[in-house]
Amino acid sequence: MSAAYAVAALEYVAHGWAVLPCQPGGKAPALPNGFYGASTDPDQVAEWWRDKPNANIGAVPGRCDLPCGGTLLVLDLDGPAGRQSAAELGIPSDTAAVTTGRPEGGEHRYFHVPDGVAIGNRSPAPGLDVRHTGGYVLVPPSVHPSGAVYRWRGAPAWEPGAVLPLPEHILELLTAPRLEPVSTGKRWGPAFNAGEAADALTWRRAAAYVARVPSGLADDRKQTAYRLSAALVHDIRLPERDAFDLLGAWNSDNRPPLSESALARIFANAGRYGRHRGVA
């Protein structure tokens, strides 16, 4: 089986995908800088799989170029809740898709988004997560922690016509500013100024900082999330929207990740109090 991983990884690269090695049978990146180290260089990719022949294959959808222009975006459906949310939002099911191996049924649906779009990790509805520029997904023939193999459902995403454009109403939903919380007990995220954007140097400093922060945590997740949030906002002065997206990408590797509502509250407290207050 090990040769199959190397062959598949190089095939993805040949189609313009940025890939990275992940733990065999797991999801955590096997690179010191996490998914930020994903590469489209076939020599680099071949070297990774020579060193780690059984490594799972991760791909950063927002760095997977398409022949027609634009990049990929993946909607991750977790079980019945994810499928219900997708149906309620009118998300097509006849686009390229991967079965993920979750015991309750999981699915990655692949869509095309235009050039110039950059979407961080978001959860627009229960059981539904977004991966574009702020995260990565495992791709076939990777093995899920349950032991099931990731498989394409129909044609792979690089086949002509296999990937549908992301519906306009979903693109608008995912690029809209997050809203302030309301006192209804519902999930929430911080408010952002839609006009803010990080310059290239600040973004590189922030990404390099995040790459040095321990990830894949089972303990100390809240404390580390608070310190990371404070550093990104107060020390590096990254705009809040970019900082929250980087925080979400870091959190996605934890075991298990903090909920979006918990992460957002930690982020809000860190923005308000800096390093001088513990995690709520």
Foldseek 3Di string as FASTA:
>chain_A
DLVVQLVVQLVQLVQQWFKFFAQAQEDWGPDLLTSVPTDSDNVVSNVRCVVVSRTFMKTQQQRRAAPVAATKKKKKAAAPQSVVVCVVVVWDPQAKKKWDPDPRTIMIGIAGDHPPDDFFWDALGPRIIMGHRLAIDTAPQGAHNVRHGIDIPPDHNRPPPRHYHGDPVVSCSRLDFWDPDDPPPDAGADGFDSPDADDPVLLVVLSVVLSNQDAQAPPPLLQSLLLNLLCSCPVSNGGLVSSLRNSVRRQVNYPHRDDNRQSRQSNVVCNVPPPPDGRD
